[in-house]
């Protein structure tokens, strides 16, 4: 049924939105809708989303969010089964945020795509392979051995080194640097000024100076990896630094040489991962957290904001603090420190 929907970028009526997000429409919504908006700024032609159940982190909506829902002027709501909407038009879905993401993708589909082909100012060295459906923007540089796959887009001022591979439908935003032997899977998005494959931080002390160890392993990304603006993933020493499928790296993230990230790992803004760290599937590092080198962080682990991980973290564990310890222990330590600061022994 979704095939019968209007093309991306066009307004939708409530019935069409229900088909698109796989939800159940309740009430009668008037007219068509043009965008997804937040609760405070939404108007009659906008769609909002709200989840009354706890989210993936266990957080419930606060009183301010509930009040914003009651006062919201949106013409249509995406809500879960338990949200009270006071008879206003809504579409019930299991995950309102996910439904809103799909809907927002539809509305923003009108954005202009880059023209297919190679811009006249781009430099494509002999031996580079560019698929006919790819788009290479102004002032891009592709070194010999680079391979650009179907429907990939290099927007502007991009540098792609020797023996690189850019997978199908991947997008490189302005200012991206890919060093030698960087391989991107399908559907990757590399945001502006990110660097993948620069030489890792490897030096050997001679007794008189730090002698650089060549870093020639490159970087290998899986499919659908997102790398934020100004983030860096360093080349491995002899073998590639590995980033698994569906990993999300926020802005200003540093991943050192020889690291191995599993699937669905999330590194929030300003996270720093030292060299040779292994991170299991689904682990999450909150903002400004960091990990010392040569340690293992288990699958599903959660590392709190500004935490400093200096030893292995078990799968599923939640840690916080500097040095990072079990989250509940860290909370008790903070309570004791506050009591001591107030002059209370107990």
C-alpha atoms as a PDB file:
ATOM      1  CA  UNK A   1       0.000   0.000   0.000  1.00  0.00           C
ATOM      2  CA  UNK A   2       2.909   2.346   0.698  1.00  0.00           C
ATOM      3  CA  UNK A   3       3.701   2.280  -3.024  1.00  0.00           C
ATOM      4  CA  UNK A   4       0.491   4.220  -3.632  1.00  0.00           C
ATOM      5  CA  UNK A   5       1.576   7.140  -1.426  1.00  0.00           C
ATOM      6  CA  UNK A   6       2.511  10.500  -2.960  1.00  0.00           C
ATOM      7  CA  UNK A   7       6.215  10.918  -3.751  1.00  0.00           C
ATOM      8  CA  UNK A   8       8.660  12.012  -1.035  1.00  0.00           C
ATOM      9  CA  UNK A   9       8.499  15.683  -0.147  1.00  0.00           C
ATOM     10  CA  UNK A  10       4.760  16.073  -0.739  1.00  0.00           C
ATOM     11  CA  UNK A  11       2.078  16.737   1.910  1.00  0.00           C
ATOM     12  CA  UNK A  12       0.087  13.801   3.281  1.00  0.00           C
ATOM     13  CA  UNK A  13      -3.370  13.430   4.750  1.00  0.00           C
ATOM     14  CA  UNK A  14      -3.871  11.584   8.037  1.00  0.00           C
ATOM     15  CA  UNK A  15      -4.941   8.354   6.312  1.00  0.00           C
ATOM     16  CA  UNK A  16      -1.785   8.355   4.185  1.00  0.00           C
ATOM     17  CA  UNK A  17       0.388   8.994   7.223  1.00  0.00           C
ATOM     18  CA  UNK A  18      -1.233   6.057   9.015  1.00  0.00           C
ATOM     19  CA  UNK A  19      -0.327   3.809   6.070  1.00  0.00           C
ATOM     20  CA  UNK A  20       3.222   5.148   5.935  1.00  0.00           C
ATOM     21  CA  UNK A  21       3.951   4.550   9.643  1.00  0.00           C
ATOM     22  CA  UNK A  22       1.844   1.409  10.025  1.00  0.00           C
ATOM     23  CA  UNK A  23      -0.439   2.895  12.698  1.00  0.00           C
ATOM     24  CA  UNK A  24      -4.146   3.127  13.524  1.00  0.00           C
ATOM     25  CA  UNK A  25      -5.897   6.454  12.914  1.00  0.00           C
ATOM     26  CA  UNK A  26      -8.312   7.682  15.598  1.00  0.00           C
ATOM     27  CA  UNK A  27     -10.561  10.705  15.026  1.00  0.00           C
ATOM     28  CA  UNK A  28     -10.900  12.864  11.949  1.00  0.00           C
ATOM     29  CA  UNK A  29      -8.011  15.125  10.937  1.00  0.00           C
ATOM     30  CA  UNK A  30      -8.625  17.988   8.513  1.00  0.00           C
ATOM     31  CA  UNK A  31      -6.481  18.765   5.479  1.00  0.00           C
ATOM     32  CA  UNK A  32      -2.928  17.683   4.771  1.00  0.00           C
ATOM     33  CA  UNK A  33       0.267  17.848   6.797  1.00  0.00           C
ATOM     34  CA  UNK A  34       3.638  19.246   5.755  1.00  0.00           C
ATOM     35  CA  UNK A  35       6.163  18.538   8.514  1.00  0.00           C
ATOM     36  CA  UNK A  36       6.952  16.979  11.888  1.00  0.00           C
ATOM     37  CA  UNK A  37       7.330  19.583  14.633  1.00  0.00           C
ATOM     38  CA  UNK A  38       7.937  19.767  18.385  1.00  0.00           C
ATOM     39  CA  UNK A  39       5.065  20.140  20.834  1.00  0.00           C
ATOM     40  CA  UNK A  40       5.667  23.801  21.661  1.00  0.00           C
ATOM     41  CA  UNK A  41       5.821  25.137  18.092  1.00  0.00           C
ATOM     42  CA  UNK A  42       3.422  22.903  16.182  1.00  0.00           C
ATOM     43  CA  UNK A  43       0.478  24.340  14.219  1.00  0.00           C
ATOM     44  CA  UNK A  44      -2.590  22.882  12.559  1.00  0.00           C
ATOM     45  CA  UNK A  45      -0.659  21.502   9.564  1.00  0.00           C
ATOM     46  CA  UNK A  46       2.043  19.914  11.698  1.00  0.00           C
ATOM     47  CA  UNK A  47       2.445  16.425  13.160  1.00  0.00           C
ATOM     48  CA  UNK A  48       3.910  15.840  16.626  1.00  0.00           C
ATOM     49  CA  UNK A  49       4.869  12.677  18.501  1.00  0.00           C
ATOM     50  CA  UNK A  50       4.628  11.722  22.163  1.00  0.00           C
ATOM     51  CA  UNK A  51       5.394   8.609  24.173  1.00  0.00           C
ATOM     52  CA  UNK A  52       3.809   8.166  27.589  1.00  0.00           C
ATOM     53  CA  UNK A  53       5.557   4.869  28.306  1.00  0.00           C
ATOM     54  CA  UNK A  54       9.180   4.772  29.436  1.00  0.00           C
ATOM     55  CA  UNK A  55      11.749   5.062  26.667  1.00  0.00           C
ATOM     56  CA  UNK A  56      14.731   2.755  26.074  1.00  0.00           C
ATOM     57  CA  UNK A  57      16.622   4.366  28.977  1.00  0.00           C
ATOM     58  CA  UNK A  58      13.686   3.953  31.395  1.00  0.00           C
ATOM     59  CA  UNK A  59      12.846   7.677  31.359  1.00  0.00           C
ATOM     60  CA  UNK A  60       9.207   8.761  31.684  1.00  0.00           C
ATOM     61  CA  UNK A  61       7.873  12.116  30.418  1.00  0.00           C
ATOM     62  CA  UNK A  62       8.000  14.893  33.001  1.00  0.00           C
ATOM     63  CA  UNK A  63       5.250  17.294  34.048  1.00  0.00           C
ATOM     64  CA  UNK A  64       6.489  19.990  31.663  1.00  0.00           C
ATOM     65  CA  UNK A  65       6.241  17.577  28.715  1.00  0.00           C
ATOM     66  CA  UNK A  66       2.746  16.457  29.761  1.00  0.00           C
ATOM     67  CA  UNK A  67       1.671  20.089  30.027  1.00  0.00           C
ATOM     68  CA  UNK A  68       3.129  20.817  26.561  1.00  0.00           C
ATOM     69  CA  UNK A  69       1.107  17.890  25.175  1.00  0.00           C
ATOM     70  CA  UNK A  70      -2.109  19.270  26.659  1.00  0.00           C
ATOM     71  CA  UNK A  71      -1.453  22.727  25.185  1.00  0.00           C
ATOM     72  CA  UNK A  72      -0.190  21.509  21.815  1.00  0.00           C
ATOM     73  CA  UNK A  73      -1.951  22.917  18.730  1.00  0.00           C
ATOM     74  CA  UNK A  74      -0.822  20.254  16.246  1.00  0.00           C
ATOM     75  CA  UNK A  75      -3.379  18.947  13.784  1.00  0.00           C
ATOM     76  CA  UNK A  76      -2.252  15.325  14.225  1.00  0.00           C
ATOM     77  CA  UNK A  77      -0.361  13.324  16.855  1.00  0.00           C
ATOM     78  CA  UNK A  78       1.701  10.153  16.706  1.00  0.00           C
ATOM     79  CA  UNK A  79       1.251   8.505  20.107  1.00  0.00           C
ATOM     80  CA  UNK A  80       1.562   5.161  21.844  1.00  0.00           C
ATOM     81  CA  UNK A  81      -1.338   3.105  23.168  1.00  0.00           C
ATOM     82  CA  UNK A  82      -1.460   4.734  26.623  1.00  0.00           C
ATOM     83  CA  UNK A  83      -1.229   8.416  25.729  1.00  0.00           C
ATOM     84  CA  UNK A  84      -4.366  10.436  26.547  1.00  0.00           C
ATOM     85  CA  UNK A  85      -5.150  12.848  23.691  1.00  0.00           C
ATOM     86  CA  UNK A  86      -8.546  14.226  24.812  1.00  0.00           C
ATOM     87  CA  UNK A  87     -10.338  13.117  21.613  1.00  0.00           C
ATOM     88  CA  UNK A  88      -7.901  14.916  19.315  1.00  0.00           C
ATOM     89  CA  UNK A  89      -6.922  13.208  16.030  1.00  0.00           C
ATOM     90  CA  UNK A  90      -4.058  10.791  16.530  1.00  0.00           C
ATOM     91  CA  UNK A  91      -2.331   7.764  15.075  1.00  0.00           C
ATOM     92  CA  UNK A  92      -1.522   4.995  17.546  1.00  0.00           C
ATOM     93  CA  UNK A  93       1.850   3.308  16.950  1.00  0.00           C
ATOM     94  CA  UNK A  94       4.177   1.154  19.020  1.00  0.00           C
ATOM     95  CA  UNK A  95       7.081   3.628  18.808  1.00  0.00           C
ATOM     96  CA  UNK A  96       6.030   7.244  18.142  1.00  0.00           C
ATOM     97  CA  UNK A  97       9.611   8.516  17.795  1.00  0.00           C
ATOM     98  CA  UNK A  98      10.398   5.906  15.147  1.00  0.00           C
ATOM     99  CA  UNK A  99       7.183   6.691  13.291  1.00  0.00           C
ATOM    100  CA  UNK A 100       8.049  10.396  13.418  1.00  0.00           C
ATOM    101  CA  UNK A 101      11.482   9.664  11.970  1.00  0.00           C
ATOM    102  CA  UNK A 102       9.977   7.811   8.992  1.00  0.00           C
ATOM    103  CA  UNK A 103       7.471  10.597   8.457  1.00  0.00           C
ATOM    104  CA  UNK A 104      10.121  13.323   8.689  1.00  0.00           C
ATOM    105  CA  UNK A 105      12.189  11.436   6.115  1.00  0.00           C
ATOM    106  CA  UNK A 106       9.210  11.577   3.766  1.00  0.00           C
ATOM    107  CA  UNK A 107       8.708  15.309   4.239  1.00  0.00           C
ATOM    108  CA  UNK A 108      12.381  16.161   3.762  1.00  0.00           C
ATOM    109  CA  UNK A 109      12.635  14.005   0.637  1.00  0.00           C
ATOM    110  CA  UNK A 110      12.150  17.119  -1.479  1.00  0.00           C
ATOM    111  CA  UNK A 111      15.755  18.152  -0.809  1.00  0.00           C
ATOM    112  CA  UNK A 112      17.716  18.418  -4.024  1.00  0.00           C
ATOM    113  CA  UNK A 113      20.002  15.537  -4.791  1.00  0.00           C
ATOM    114  CA  UNK A 114      23.442  16.130  -6.222  1.00  0.00           C
ATOM    115  CA  UNK A 115      23.561  15.815 -10.014  1.00  0.00           C
ATOM    116  CA  UNK A 116      24.873  12.498 -11.290  1.00  0.00           C
ATOM    117  CA  UNK A 117      28.374  12.622 -12.687  1.00  0.00           C
ATOM    118  CA  UNK A 118      31.780  14.174 -11.960  1.00  0.00           C
ATOM    119  CA  UNK A 119      32.055  17.928 -11.460  1.00  0.00           C
ATOM    120  CA  UNK A 120      34.551  19.623 -13.826  1.00  0.00           C
ATOM    121  CA  UNK A 121      36.705  20.782 -10.903  1.00  0.00           C
ATOM    122  CA  UNK A 122      37.048  17.307  -9.402  1.00  0.00           C
ATOM    123  CA  UNK A 123      40.355  15.458  -9.777  1.00  0.00           C
ATOM    124  CA  UNK A 124      39.912  11.765 -10.544  1.00  0.00           C
ATOM    125  CA  UNK A 125      43.263  10.051 -11.000  1.00  0.00           C
ATOM    126  CA  UNK A 126      43.769   7.321 -13.532  1.00  0.00           C
ATOM    127  CA  UNK A 127      42.909   4.019 -11.910  1.00  0.00           C
ATOM    128  CA  UNK A 128      40.041   5.371  -9.795  1.00  0.00           C
ATOM    129  CA  UNK A 129      36.682   3.717 -10.493  1.00  0.00           C
ATOM    130  CA  UNK A 130      33.524   5.861 -10.377  1.00  0.00           C
ATOM    131  CA  UNK A 131      30.163   4.191 -10.923  1.00  0.00           C
ATOM    132  CA  UNK A 132      28.055   5.937 -13.611  1.00  0.00           C
ATOM    133  CA  UNK A 133      25.282   6.636 -11.088  1.00  0.00           C
ATOM    134  CA  UNK A 134      27.618   8.257  -8.529  1.00  0.00           C
ATOM    135  CA  UNK A 135      27.907  11.991  -7.918  1.00  0.00           C
ATOM    136  CA  UNK A 136      31.317  13.651  -7.406  1.00  0.00           C
ATOM    137  CA  UNK A 137      31.045  17.320  -6.384  1.00  0.00           C
ATOM    138  CA  UNK A 138      33.345  20.344  -6.776  1.00  0.00           C
ATOM    139  CA  UNK A 139      37.045  20.057  -5.905  1.00  0.00           C
ATOM    140  CA  UNK A 140      36.905  16.397  -4.857  1.00  0.00           C
ATOM    141  CA  UNK A 141      40.162  14.462  -5.210  1.00  0.00           C
ATOM    142  CA  UNK A 142      40.132  10.703  -5.875  1.00  0.00           C
ATOM    143  CA  UNK A 143      43.490   8.978  -5.841  1.00  0.00           C
ATOM    144  CA  UNK A 144      44.405   5.946  -7.924  1.00  0.00           C
ATOM    145  CA  UNK A 145      42.663   2.756  -6.812  1.00  0.00           C
ATOM    146  CA  UNK A 146      39.655   4.501  -5.283  1.00  0.00           C
ATOM    147  CA  UNK A 147      36.328   2.784  -6.032  1.00  0.00           C
ATOM    148  CA  UNK A 148      33.064   4.733  -5.840  1.00  0.00           C
ATOM    149  CA  UNK A 149      30.014   2.467  -5.940  1.00  0.00           C
ATOM    150  CA  UNK A 150      26.411   2.851  -7.136  1.00  0.00           C
ATOM    151  CA  UNK A 151      24.565   6.027  -6.159  1.00  0.00           C
ATOM    152  CA  UNK A 152      27.316   7.246  -3.832  1.00  0.00           C
ATOM    153  CA  UNK A 153      27.551  11.023  -3.340  1.00  0.00           C
ATOM    154  CA  UNK A 154      30.685  13.055  -2.652  1.00  0.00           C
ATOM    155  CA  UNK A 155      29.378  16.569  -2.145  1.00  0.00           C
ATOM    156  CA  UNK A 156      32.344  18.985  -2.225  1.00  0.00           C
ATOM    157  CA  UNK A 157      35.990  19.363  -1.202  1.00  0.00           C
ATOM    158  CA  UNK A 158      36.274  15.635  -0.448  1.00  0.00           C
ATOM    159  CA  UNK A 159      39.601  13.777  -0.502  1.00  0.00           C
ATOM    160  CA  UNK A 160      39.590  10.031  -1.165  1.00  0.00           C
ATOM    161  CA  UNK A 161      42.968   8.299  -0.884  1.00  0.00           C
ATOM    162  CA  UNK A 162      44.522   5.295  -2.598  1.00  0.00           C
ATOM    163  CA  UNK A 163      42.675   1.980  -2.565  1.00  0.00           C
ATOM    164  CA  UNK A 164      39.580   3.413  -0.883  1.00  0.00           C
ATOM    165  CA  UNK A 165      36.107   1.984  -1.424  1.00  0.00           C
ATOM    166  CA  UNK A 166      32.933   4.060  -1.010  1.00  0.00           C
ATOM    167  CA  UNK A 167      29.948   1.705  -0.819  1.00  0.00           C
ATOM    168  CA  UNK A 168      26.577   1.882  -2.530  1.00  0.00           C
ATOM    169  CA  UNK A 169      24.464   4.935  -1.653  1.00  0.00           C
ATOM    170  CA  UNK A 170      27.002   6.267   0.845  1.00  0.00           C
ATOM    171  CA  UNK A 171      27.211  10.052   1.262  1.00  0.00           C
ATOM    172  CA  UNK A 172      30.338  12.091   2.018  1.00  0.00           C
ATOM    173  CA  UNK A 173      29.657  15.679   3.052  1.00  0.00           C
ATOM    174  CA  UNK A 174      31.959  18.655   2.363  1.00  0.00           C
ATOM    175  CA  UNK A 175      35.474  18.525   3.730  1.00  0.00           C
ATOM    176  CA  UNK A 176      35.612  14.771   4.369  1.00  0.00           C
ATOM    177  CA  UNK A 177      39.041  13.120   4.282  1.00  0.00           C
ATOM    178  CA  UNK A 178      39.492   9.412   3.564  1.00  0.00           C
ATOM    179  CA  UNK A 179      43.081   8.269   3.955  1.00  0.00           C
ATOM    180  CA  UNK A 180      44.541   5.275   2.141  1.00  0.00           C
ATOM    181  CA  UNK A 181      42.733   1.940   2.388  1.00  0.00           C
ATOM    182  CA  UNK A 182      39.500   3.217   3.922  1.00  0.00           C
ATOM    183  CA  UNK A 183      36.521   1.023   3.023  1.00  0.00           C
ATOM    184  CA  UNK A 184      32.946   2.246   3.576  1.00  0.00           C
ATOM    185  CA  UNK A 185      30.038  -0.175   3.429  1.00  0.00           C
ATOM    186  CA  UNK A 186      26.658   0.580   1.893  1.00  0.00           C
ATOM    187  CA  UNK A 187      24.542   3.465   3.120  1.00  0.00           C
ATOM    188  CA  UNK A 188      27.198   5.177   5.229  1.00  0.00           C
ATOM    189  CA  UNK A 189      26.943   8.903   5.996  1.00  0.00           C
ATOM    190  CA  UNK A 190      30.113  10.848   6.763  1.00  0.00           C
ATOM    191  CA  UNK A 191      29.359  14.380   7.932  1.00  0.00           C
ATOM    192  CA  UNK A 192      31.362  17.532   7.213  1.00  0.00           C
ATOM    193  CA  UNK A 193      35.083  17.665   7.998  1.00  0.00           C
ATOM    194  CA  UNK A 194      35.285  14.147   9.403  1.00  0.00           C
ATOM    195  CA  UNK A 195      38.583  12.310   8.954  1.00  0.00           C
ATOM    196  CA  UNK A 196      38.821   8.561   8.441  1.00  0.00           C
ATOM    197  CA  UNK A 197      42.161   6.870   7.995  1.00  0.00           C
ATOM    198  CA  UNK A 198      44.594   9.551   9.130  1.00  0.00           C
ATOM    199  CA  UNK A 199      47.721   8.014  10.666  1.00  0.00           C
ATOM    200  CA  UNK A 200      47.090   6.559  14.106  1.00  0.00           C
ATOM    201  CA  UNK A 201      48.945   7.888  17.151  1.00  0.00           C
ATOM    202  CA  UNK A 202      51.752   5.333  17.163  1.00  0.00           C
ATOM    203  CA  UNK A 203      55.286   6.179  18.333  1.00  0.00           C
ATOM    204  CA  UNK A 204      58.197   4.240  19.814  1.00  0.00           C
ATOM    205  CA  UNK A 205      60.581   5.871  22.308  1.00  0.00           C
ATOM    206  CA  UNK A 206      64.192   5.467  21.257  1.00  0.00           C
ATOM    207  CA  UNK A 207      65.695   6.900  24.420  1.00  0.00           C
ATOM    208  CA  UNK A 208      66.129  10.247  22.707  1.00  0.00           C
ATOM    209  CA  UNK A 209      62.986  10.834  20.688  1.00  0.00           C
ATOM    210  CA  UNK A 210      59.592   9.438  19.729  1.00  0.00           C
ATOM    211  CA  UNK A 211      59.995   7.508  16.489  1.00  0.00           C
ATOM    212  CA  UNK A 212      56.771   7.210  14.436  1.00  0.00           C
ATOM    213  CA  UNK A 213      55.509   3.726  13.642  1.00  0.00           C
ATOM    214  CA  UNK A 214      53.905   3.786  10.155  1.00  0.00           C
ATOM    215  CA  UNK A 215      50.145   3.291  10.362  1.00  0.00           C
ATOM    216  CA  UNK A 216      49.183   1.467   7.172  1.00  0.00           C
ATOM    217  CA  UNK A 217      46.159  -0.646   8.141  1.00  0.00           C
ATOM    218  CA  UNK A 218      43.422   1.773   7.049  1.00  0.00           C
ATOM    219  CA  UNK A 219      39.838   1.794   8.310  1.00  0.00           C
ATOM    220  CA  UNK A 220      36.888  -0.453   7.518  1.00  0.00           C
ATOM    221  CA  UNK A 221      33.297   0.635   8.159  1.00  0.00           C
ATOM    222  CA  UNK A 222      30.319  -1.702   7.957  1.00  0.00           C
ATOM    223  CA  UNK A 223      26.956  -0.795   6.443  1.00  0.00           C
ATOM    224  CA  UNK A 224      24.849   2.191   7.493  1.00  0.00           C
ATOM    225  CA  UNK A 225      27.510   3.731   9.737  1.00  0.00           C
ATOM    226  CA  UNK A 226      27.025   7.405  10.611  1.00  0.00           C
ATOM    227  CA  UNK A 227      30.090   9.508  11.435  1.00  0.00           C
ATOM    228  CA  UNK A 228      29.398  13.011  12.762  1.00  0.00           C
ATOM    229  CA  UNK A 229      31.054  16.291  11.851  1.00  0.00           C
ATOM    230  CA  UNK A 230      34.678  16.809  12.882  1.00  0.00           C
ATOM    231  CA  UNK A 231      35.051  13.244  14.107  1.00  0.00           C
ATOM    232  CA  UNK A 232      38.167  11.145  13.523  1.00  0.00           C
ATOM    233  CA  UNK A 233      38.731   7.422  13.087  1.00  0.00           C
ATOM    234  CA  UNK A 234      42.445   6.643  12.894  1.00  0.00           C
ATOM    235  CA  UNK A 235      44.037   4.093  10.618  1.00  0.00           C
ATOM    236  CA  UNK A 236      45.157   0.830  12.156  1.00  0.00           C
ATOM    237  CA  UNK A 237      48.854   0.038  12.445  1.00  0.00           C
ATOM    238  CA  UNK A 238      48.951  -3.108  10.313  1.00  0.00           C
ATOM    239  CA  UNK A 239      45.279  -4.180  10.181  1.00  0.00           C
ATOM    240  CA  UNK A 240      42.265  -1.869   9.773  1.00  0.00           C
ATOM    241  CA  UNK A 241      40.439  -0.109  12.566  1.00  0.00           C
ATOM    242  CA  UNK A 242      36.968  -1.695  12.484  1.00  0.00           C
ATOM    243  CA  UNK A 243      33.570  -0.017  12.882  1.00  0.00           C
ATOM    244  CA  UNK A 244      30.617  -2.438  12.714  1.00  0.00           C
ATOM    245  CA  UNK A 245      27.248  -2.148  10.998  1.00  0.00           C
ATOM    246  CA  UNK A 246      24.837   0.571  12.157  1.00  0.00           C
ATOM    247  CA  UNK A 247      27.282   2.298  14.499  1.00  0.00           C
ATOM    248  CA  UNK A 248      26.565   5.954  15.308  1.00  0.00           C
ATOM    249  CA  UNK A 249      29.428   8.341  16.023  1.00  0.00           C
ATOM    250  CA  UNK A 250      28.344  11.809  17.091  1.00  0.00           C
ATOM    251  CA  UNK A 251      30.259  15.035  16.415  1.00  0.00           C
ATOM    252  CA  UNK A 252      33.823  15.485  17.737  1.00  0.00           C
ATOM    253  CA  UNK A 253      34.344  11.785  18.442  1.00  0.00           C
ATOM    254  CA  UNK A 254      37.833  10.244  18.402  1.00  0.00           C
ATOM    255  CA  UNK A 255      38.401   6.535  17.731  1.00  0.00           C
ATOM    256  CA  UNK A 256      42.051   5.518  18.008  1.00  0.00           C
ATOM    257  CA  UNK A 257      44.024   3.084  15.882  1.00  0.00           C
ATOM    258  CA  UNK A 258      43.320  -0.651  15.990  1.00  0.00           C
ATOM    259  CA  UNK A 259      39.963  -0.253  17.758  1.00  0.00           C
ATOM    260  CA  UNK A 260      37.201  -2.755  17.062  1.00  0.00           C
ATOM    261  CA  UNK A 261      33.589  -1.638  17.431  1.00  0.00           C
ATOM    262  CA  UNK A 262      30.779  -4.164  17.108  1.00  0.00           C
ATOM    263  CA  UNK A 263      27.342  -3.436  15.664  1.00  0.00           C
ATOM    264  CA  UNK A 264      24.975  -0.682  16.851  1.00  0.00           C
ATOM    265  CA  UNK A 265      27.572   0.990  19.068  1.00  0.00           C
ATOM    266  CA  UNK A 266      26.757   4.620  19.955  1.00  0.00           C
ATOM    267  CA  UNK A 267      29.481   7.134  20.800  1.00  0.00           C
ATOM    268  CA  UNK A 268      27.996  10.492  21.817  1.00  0.00           C
ATOM    269  CA  UNK A 269      29.642  13.884  21.377  1.00  0.00           C
ATOM    270  CA  UNK A 270      33.288  14.325  22.433  1.00  0.00           C
ATOM    271  CA  UNK A 271      33.805  10.665  23.289  1.00  0.00           C
ATOM    272  CA  UNK A 272      37.438   9.615  23.055  1.00  0.00           C
ATOM    273  CA  UNK A 273      38.439   5.973  22.562  1.00  0.00           C
ATOM    274  CA  UNK A 274      42.132   5.157  22.882  1.00  0.00           C
ATOM    275  CA  UNK A 275      43.896   2.678  20.629  1.00  0.00           C
ATOM    276  CA  UNK A 276      43.178  -1.069  20.567  1.00  0.00           C
ATOM    277  CA  UNK A 277      39.904  -0.862  22.510  1.00  0.00           C
ATOM    278  CA  UNK A 278      37.247  -3.476  21.719  1.00  0.00           C
ATOM    279  CA  UNK A 279      33.595  -2.461  22.182  1.00  0.00           C
ATOM    280  CA  UNK A 280      30.794  -5.019  21.958  1.00  0.00           C
ATOM    281  CA  UNK A 281      27.476  -4.822  20.116  1.00  0.00           C
ATOM    282  CA  UNK A 282      25.037  -2.190  21.346  1.00  0.00           C
ATOM    283  CA  UNK A 283      27.329  -0.496  23.856  1.00  0.00           C
ATOM    284  CA  UNK A 284      26.737   3.210  24.511  1.00  0.00           C
ATOM    285  CA  UNK A 285      29.224   5.907  25.578  1.00  0.00           C
ATOM    286  CA  UNK A 286      27.551   9.098  26.807  1.00  0.00           C
ATOM    287  CA  UNK A 287      28.980  12.549  26.054  1.00  0.00           C
ATOM    288  CA  UNK A 288      32.648  13.282  26.853  1.00  0.00           C
ATOM    289  CA  UNK A 289      33.276   9.763  28.163  1.00  0.00           C
ATOM    290  CA  UNK A 290      36.553   8.060  27.350  1.00  0.00           C
ATOM    291  CA  UNK A 291      38.313   4.723  27.408  1.00  0.00           C
ATOM    292  CA  UNK A 292      41.970   3.935  28.051  1.00  0.00           C
ATOM    293  CA  UNK A 293      43.759   1.769  25.519  1.00  0.00           C
ATOM    294  CA  UNK A 294      43.788  -2.029  25.239  1.00  0.00           C
ATOM    295  CA  UNK A 295      40.603  -2.698  27.233  1.00  0.00           C
ATOM    296  CA  UNK A 296      37.337  -4.458  26.419  1.00  0.00           C
ATOM    297  CA  UNK A 297      33.832  -3.044  26.857  1.00  0.00           C
ATOM    298  CA  UNK A 298      31.180  -5.750  26.708  1.00  0.00           C
ATOM    299  CA  UNK A 299      28.050  -5.871  24.576  1.00  0.00           C
ATOM    300  CA  UNK A 300      25.215  -3.675  25.825  1.00  0.00           C
ATOM    301  CA  UNK A 301      27.377  -1.834  28.349  1.00  0.00           C
ATOM    302  CA  UNK A 302      26.551   1.780  29.173  1.00  0.00           C
ATOM    303  CA  UNK A 303      29.175   4.356  30.074  1.00  0.00           C
ATOM    304  CA  UNK A 304      27.995   7.550  31.783  1.00  0.00           C
ATOM    305  CA  UNK A 305      28.809  11.094  30.703  1.00  0.00           C
ATOM    306  CA  UNK A 306      32.428  12.142  31.348  1.00  0.00           C
ATOM    307  CA  UNK A 307      33.261   8.703  32.712  1.00  0.00           C
ATOM    308  CA  UNK A 308      36.844   7.469  32.374  1.00  0.00           C
ATOM    309  CA  UNK A 309      36.962   3.746  31.644  1.00  0.00           C
ATOM    310  CA  UNK A 310      40.347   2.401  32.709  1.00  0.00           C
ATOM    311  CA  UNK A 311      39.620  -1.339  32.916  1.00  0.00           C
ATOM    312  CA  UNK A 312      37.375  -3.924  31.269  1.00  0.00           C
ATOM    313  CA  UNK A 313      33.596  -3.454  31.504  1.00  0.00           C
ATOM    314  CA  UNK A 314      31.327  -6.492  31.626  1.00  0.00           C
ATOM    315  CA  UNK A 315      28.554  -7.006  29.097  1.00  0.00           C
ATOM    316  CA  UNK A 316      25.366  -5.211  30.151  1.00  0.00           C
ATOM    317  CA  UNK A 317      27.056  -3.235  32.924  1.00  0.00           C
ATOM    318  CA  UNK A 318      26.418   0.459  33.587  1.00  0.00           C
ATOM    319  CA  UNK A 319      29.385   2.469  34.832  1.00  0.00           C
ATOM    320  CA  UNK A 320      30.083   6.080  35.735  1.00  0.00           C
ATOM    321  CA  UNK A 321      32.741   8.277  37.322  1.00  0.00           C
ATOM    322  CA  UNK A 322      36.503   8.740  37.084  1.00  0.00           C
ATOM    323  CA  UNK A 323      37.721   6.070  37.223  1.00  0.00           C
ATOM    324  CA  UNK A 324      34.517   4.398  36.072  1.00  0.00           C
ATOM    325  CA  UNK A 325      32.840   2.048  38.539  1.00  0.00           C
ATOM    326  CA  UNK A 326      29.406   0.444  38.839  1.00  0.00           C
ATOM    327  CA  UNK A 327      26.785   3.172  38.492  1.00  0.00           C
ATOM    328  CA  UNK A 328      25.063   2.388  41.805  1.00  0.00           C
ATOM    329  CA  UNK A 329      28.385   2.448  43.663  1.00  0.00           C
ATOM    330  CA  UNK A 330      29.202   5.758  41.999  1.00  0.00           C
ATOM    331  CA  UNK A 331      25.887   7.214  43.176  1.00  0.00           C
ATOM    332  CA  UNK A 332      26.552   6.108  46.762  1.00  0.00           C
ATOM    333  CA  UNK A 333      30.034   7.630  46.612  1.00  0.00           C
ATOM    334  CA  UNK A 334      28.565  10.954  45.469  1.00  0.00           C
ATOM    335  CA  UNK A 335      26.049  10.928  48.339  1.00  0.00           C
ATOM    336  CA  UNK A 336      28.844  10.310  50.865  1.00  0.00           C
ATOM    337  CA  UNK A 337      30.948  13.126  49.400  1.00  0.00           C
ATOM    338  CA  UNK A 338      28.049  15.554  49.657  1.00  0.00           C
ATOM    339  CA  UNK A 339      27.463  14.577  53.270  1.00  0.00           C
ATOM    340  CA  UNK A 340      31.132  15.051  54.098  1.00  0.00           C
ATOM    341  CA  UNK A 341      31.131  18.446  52.394  1.00  0.00           C
ATOM    342  CA  UNK A 342      28.189  19.468  54.598  1.00  0.00           C
ATOM    343  CA  UNK A 343      30.005  18.304  57.713  1.00  0.00           C
ATOM    344  CA  UNK A 344      27.874  15.231  58.303  1.00  0.00           C
ATOM    345  CA  UNK A 345      29.549  11.948  59.101  1.00  0.00           C
ATOM    346  CA  UNK A 346      26.460   9.840  58.332  1.00  0.00           C
END
